[in-house]
């Protein structure tokens, strides 16, 4: 069984207060953002995040008129020491799986280790490669951490 988490993306005008409005909408509905990344251009910011309730998040944001994109991403636990990302990146590279972006999860796994969110070009293959290399991946249990 593939172990993915759902990432929500919204594009926002790059003006003050745009993400504050999104955050207010989600907070008012009891939705907690568990991981977040913002990439900006001069005009638009793309906000990628993993909420604790993806389905409700989509419903809330679409009801407020936002254009929402959903993508399955990989959440992996990494050891907390220099060079630890190699345990994740090296096997993916050897399998010719492209890591498009990564960003930290705002919390730690049950073992106390950091977690990163990976956007990859070949999701199911990435999960298989990581499991073969003893990398702990998360599914929906991530939302409750």
C-alpha atoms as a PDB file:
ATOM      1  CA  UNK A   1       0.000   0.000   0.000  1.00  0.00           C
ATOM      2  CA  UNK A   2       1.398   3.394  -0.977  1.00  0.00           C
ATOM      3  CA  UNK A   3       2.012   5.813   1.851  1.00  0.00           C
ATOM      4  CA  UNK A   4       1.235   9.334   0.708  1.00  0.00           C
ATOM      5  CA  UNK A   5      -0.044  12.491   2.329  1.00  0.00           C
ATOM      6  CA  UNK A   6      -2.093  15.148   0.582  1.00  0.00           C
ATOM      7  CA  UNK A   7      -0.614  18.520  -0.183  1.00  0.00           C
ATOM      8  CA  UNK A   8      -2.837  21.484  -0.938  1.00  0.00           C
ATOM      9  CA  UNK A   9      -1.567  24.320  -3.156  1.00  0.00           C
ATOM     10  CA  UNK A  10      -3.032  27.753  -3.750  1.00  0.00           C
ATOM     11  CA  UNK A  11      -1.684  30.597  -5.832  1.00  0.00           C
ATOM     12  CA  UNK A  12      -2.095  34.004  -4.252  1.00  0.00           C
ATOM     13  CA  UNK A  13      -1.433  37.513  -5.464  1.00  0.00           C
ATOM     14  CA  UNK A  14       1.849  38.644  -3.981  1.00  0.00           C
ATOM     15  CA  UNK A  15       0.310  41.407  -1.866  1.00  0.00           C
ATOM     16  CA  UNK A  16       0.160  41.909   1.911  1.00  0.00           C
ATOM     17  CA  UNK A  17      -2.446  39.923   3.811  1.00  0.00           C
ATOM     18  CA  UNK A  18      -3.285  37.332   1.148  1.00  0.00           C
ATOM     19  CA  UNK A  19      -2.095  34.341   3.138  1.00  0.00           C
ATOM     20  CA  UNK A  20      -3.441  35.831   6.370  1.00  0.00           C
ATOM     21  CA  UNK A  21      -6.919  35.541   4.838  1.00  0.00           C
ATOM     22  CA  UNK A  22      -6.324  31.871   3.955  1.00  0.00           C
ATOM     23  CA  UNK A  23      -4.962  31.171   7.437  1.00  0.00           C
ATOM     24  CA  UNK A  24      -7.983  32.885   9.032  1.00  0.00           C
ATOM     25  CA  UNK A  25     -10.391  30.757   6.944  1.00  0.00           C
ATOM     26  CA  UNK A  26      -8.664  27.542   7.939  1.00  0.00           C
ATOM     27  CA  UNK A  27      -8.257  28.488  11.597  1.00  0.00           C
ATOM     28  CA  UNK A  28     -11.928  29.394  11.874  1.00  0.00           C
ATOM     29  CA  UNK A  29     -12.767  25.851  10.699  1.00  0.00           C
ATOM     30  CA  UNK A  30     -10.323  24.194  13.130  1.00  0.00           C
ATOM     31  CA  UNK A  31      -7.886  23.166  10.383  1.00  0.00           C
ATOM     32  CA  UNK A  32      -4.220  23.007  11.389  1.00  0.00           C
ATOM     33  CA  UNK A  33      -1.385  23.464   8.881  1.00  0.00           C
ATOM     34  CA  UNK A  34       1.241  20.779   9.603  1.00  0.00           C
ATOM     35  CA  UNK A  35       3.833  21.669   6.934  1.00  0.00           C
ATOM     36  CA  UNK A  36       4.164  24.705   4.687  1.00  0.00           C
ATOM     37  CA  UNK A  37       6.283  26.116   1.878  1.00  0.00           C
ATOM     38  CA  UNK A  38       5.903  29.378  -0.017  1.00  0.00           C
ATOM     39  CA  UNK A  39       7.552  30.043  -3.388  1.00  0.00           C
ATOM     40  CA  UNK A  40       7.175  33.509  -4.782  1.00  0.00           C
ATOM     41  CA  UNK A  41       7.562  35.366  -8.043  1.00  0.00           C
ATOM     42  CA  UNK A  42       7.096  39.115  -8.391  1.00  0.00           C
ATOM     43  CA  UNK A  43       3.339  38.732  -8.939  1.00  0.00           C
ATOM     44  CA  UNK A  44       2.198  35.436  -7.429  1.00  0.00           C
ATOM     45  CA  UNK A  45       3.073  33.251  -4.464  1.00  0.00           C
ATOM     46  CA  UNK A  46       2.448  29.525  -4.565  1.00  0.00           C
ATOM     47  CA  UNK A  47       1.659  28.220  -1.111  1.00  0.00           C
ATOM     48  CA  UNK A  48       2.050  24.460  -0.658  1.00  0.00           C
ATOM     49  CA  UNK A  49       0.953  22.950   2.625  1.00  0.00           C
ATOM     50  CA  UNK A  50      -0.108  19.765   4.359  1.00  0.00           C
ATOM     51  CA  UNK A  51      -3.138  20.354   6.591  1.00  0.00           C
ATOM     52  CA  UNK A  52      -4.443  17.946   9.215  1.00  0.00           C
ATOM     53  CA  UNK A  53      -7.711  17.558   7.269  1.00  0.00           C
ATOM     54  CA  UNK A  54      -7.135  17.820   3.493  1.00  0.00           C
ATOM     55  CA  UNK A  55     -10.723  17.118   2.397  1.00  0.00           C
ATOM     56  CA  UNK A  56     -12.193  19.775   4.689  1.00  0.00           C
ATOM     57  CA  UNK A  57      -9.440  22.199   3.633  1.00  0.00           C
ATOM     58  CA  UNK A  58     -10.374  21.834  -0.040  1.00  0.00           C
ATOM     59  CA  UNK A  59     -14.074  22.339   0.709  1.00  0.00           C
ATOM     60  CA  UNK A  60     -13.422  25.441   2.840  1.00  0.00           C
ATOM     61  CA  UNK A  61     -11.038  27.094   0.385  1.00  0.00           C
ATOM     62  CA  UNK A  62     -13.140  26.339  -2.693  1.00  0.00           C
ATOM     63  CA  UNK A  63     -16.206  27.740  -0.906  1.00  0.00           C
ATOM     64  CA  UNK A  64     -14.231  30.990  -0.452  1.00  0.00           C
ATOM     65  CA  UNK A  65     -13.410  31.119  -4.174  1.00  0.00           C
ATOM     66  CA  UNK A  66      -9.820  29.874  -4.098  1.00  0.00           C
ATOM     67  CA  UNK A  67      -8.470  27.696  -6.883  1.00  0.00           C
ATOM     68  CA  UNK A  68      -7.103  24.674  -5.020  1.00  0.00           C
ATOM     69  CA  UNK A  69      -4.740  21.997  -6.292  1.00  0.00           C
ATOM     70  CA  UNK A  70      -4.262  18.686  -4.512  1.00  0.00           C
ATOM     71  CA  UNK A  71      -1.211  16.450  -4.919  1.00  0.00           C
ATOM     72  CA  UNK A  72       0.038  13.302  -3.253  1.00  0.00           C
ATOM     73  CA  UNK A  73       3.442  13.905  -1.681  1.00  0.00           C
ATOM     74  CA  UNK A  74       5.854  11.781   0.312  1.00  0.00           C
ATOM     75  CA  UNK A  75       6.518  12.423   4.008  1.00  0.00           C
ATOM     76  CA  UNK A  76       9.747  10.874   5.287  1.00  0.00           C
ATOM     77  CA  UNK A  77      11.514  10.752   8.594  1.00  0.00           C
ATOM     78  CA  UNK A  78      15.181  11.698   8.544  1.00  0.00           C
ATOM     79  CA  UNK A  79      17.832  11.347  11.238  1.00  0.00           C
ATOM     80  CA  UNK A  80      18.801  14.606  12.921  1.00  0.00           C
ATOM     81  CA  UNK A  81      22.482  14.826  11.991  1.00  0.00           C
ATOM     82  CA  UNK A  82      24.629  16.372   9.242  1.00  0.00           C
ATOM     83  CA  UNK A  83      24.260  14.651   5.883  1.00  0.00           C
ATOM     84  CA  UNK A  84      21.133  12.744   6.916  1.00  0.00           C
ATOM     85  CA  UNK A  85      19.190  13.773   3.811  1.00  0.00           C
ATOM     86  CA  UNK A  86      21.579  11.551   1.815  1.00  0.00           C
ATOM     87  CA  UNK A  87      19.682   8.498   3.131  1.00  0.00           C
ATOM     88  CA  UNK A  88      16.638   9.801   1.274  1.00  0.00           C
ATOM     89  CA  UNK A  89      18.091  11.652  -1.701  1.00  0.00           C
ATOM     90  CA  UNK A  90      20.751   9.154  -2.776  1.00  0.00           C
ATOM     91  CA  UNK A  91      18.425   6.141  -3.333  1.00  0.00           C
ATOM     92  CA  UNK A  92      15.919   8.364  -5.151  1.00  0.00           C
ATOM     93  CA  UNK A  93      18.670   9.726  -7.386  1.00  0.00           C
ATOM     94  CA  UNK A  94      19.948   6.210  -8.149  1.00  0.00           C
ATOM     95  CA  UNK A  95      16.397   5.225  -9.169  1.00  0.00           C
ATOM     96  CA  UNK A  96      16.215   8.322 -11.415  1.00  0.00           C
ATOM     97  CA  UNK A  97      13.400   9.829  -9.365  1.00  0.00           C
ATOM     98  CA  UNK A  98      13.419  13.610  -9.428  1.00  0.00           C
ATOM     99  CA  UNK A  99      12.814  15.502  -6.189  1.00  0.00           C
ATOM    100  CA  UNK A 100      11.014  18.622  -7.379  1.00  0.00           C
ATOM    101  CA  UNK A 101      10.942  20.312  -3.968  1.00  0.00           C
ATOM    102  CA  UNK A 102      11.091  19.554  -0.267  1.00  0.00           C
ATOM    103  CA  UNK A 103      10.105  21.367   2.888  1.00  0.00           C
ATOM    104  CA  UNK A 104       9.972  20.607   6.617  1.00  0.00           C
ATOM    105  CA  UNK A 105       7.043  19.275   8.581  1.00  0.00           C
ATOM    106  CA  UNK A 106       6.206  21.460  11.590  1.00  0.00           C
ATOM    107  CA  UNK A 107       6.733  18.792  14.217  1.00  0.00           C
ATOM    108  CA  UNK A 108       8.512  15.515  14.705  1.00  0.00           C
ATOM    109  CA  UNK A 109       7.701  11.856  14.366  1.00  0.00           C
ATOM    110  CA  UNK A 110       6.981   9.575  17.311  1.00  0.00           C
ATOM    111  CA  UNK A 111      10.693   8.738  17.463  1.00  0.00           C
ATOM    112  CA  UNK A 112      11.522  12.438  17.789  1.00  0.00           C
ATOM    113  CA  UNK A 113      13.178  12.638  14.369  1.00  0.00           C
ATOM    114  CA  UNK A 114      12.507  15.434  11.857  1.00  0.00           C
ATOM    115  CA  UNK A 115      10.137  14.870   8.950  1.00  0.00           C
ATOM    116  CA  UNK A 116      10.341  16.389   5.470  1.00  0.00           C
ATOM    117  CA  UNK A 117       7.726  16.568   2.717  1.00  0.00           C
ATOM    118  CA  UNK A 118       8.957  15.634  -0.771  1.00  0.00           C
ATOM    119  CA  UNK A 119       7.338  16.451  -4.087  1.00  0.00           C
ATOM    120  CA  UNK A 120       8.608  13.849  -6.546  1.00  0.00           C
ATOM    121  CA  UNK A 121       7.936  13.027 -10.190  1.00  0.00           C
ATOM    122  CA  UNK A 122       7.315   9.287  -9.614  1.00  0.00           C
ATOM    123  CA  UNK A 123       5.397   8.862  -6.353  1.00  0.00           C
ATOM    124  CA  UNK A 124       4.744   5.102  -6.178  1.00  0.00           C
ATOM    125  CA  UNK A 125       8.299   4.297  -7.285  1.00  0.00           C
ATOM    126  CA  UNK A 126       9.678   6.725  -4.695  1.00  0.00           C
ATOM    127  CA  UNK A 127       7.757   5.006  -1.895  1.00  0.00           C
ATOM    128  CA  UNK A 128       9.073   1.586  -3.005  1.00  0.00           C
ATOM    129  CA  UNK A 129      12.686   2.796  -3.238  1.00  0.00           C
ATOM    130  CA  UNK A 130      12.534   4.478   0.166  1.00  0.00           C
ATOM    131  CA  UNK A 131      11.051   1.389   1.842  1.00  0.00           C
ATOM    132  CA  UNK A 132      13.758  -0.798   0.276  1.00  0.00           C
ATOM    133  CA  UNK A 133      16.287   1.567   1.862  1.00  0.00           C
ATOM    134  CA  UNK A 134      14.654   1.454   5.317  1.00  0.00           C
ATOM    135  CA  UNK A 135      13.393   5.042   5.166  1.00  0.00           C
ATOM    136  CA  UNK A 136      10.257   5.537   7.282  1.00  0.00           C
ATOM    137  CA  UNK A 137       7.438   7.071   5.246  1.00  0.00           C
ATOM    138  CA  UNK A 138       4.121   8.293   6.614  1.00  0.00           C
ATOM    139  CA  UNK A 139       0.547   8.021   5.450  1.00  0.00           C
ATOM    140  CA  UNK A 140      -2.547   9.581   6.984  1.00  0.00           C
ATOM    141  CA  UNK A 141      -1.178   9.094  10.515  1.00  0.00           C
ATOM    142  CA  UNK A 142       0.949  12.176   9.791  1.00  0.00           C
ATOM    143  CA  UNK A 143      -2.125  14.408  10.116  1.00  0.00           C
ATOM    144  CA  UNK A 144      -2.439  13.510  13.809  1.00  0.00           C
ATOM    145  CA  UNK A 145       1.218  14.049  14.792  1.00  0.00           C
END
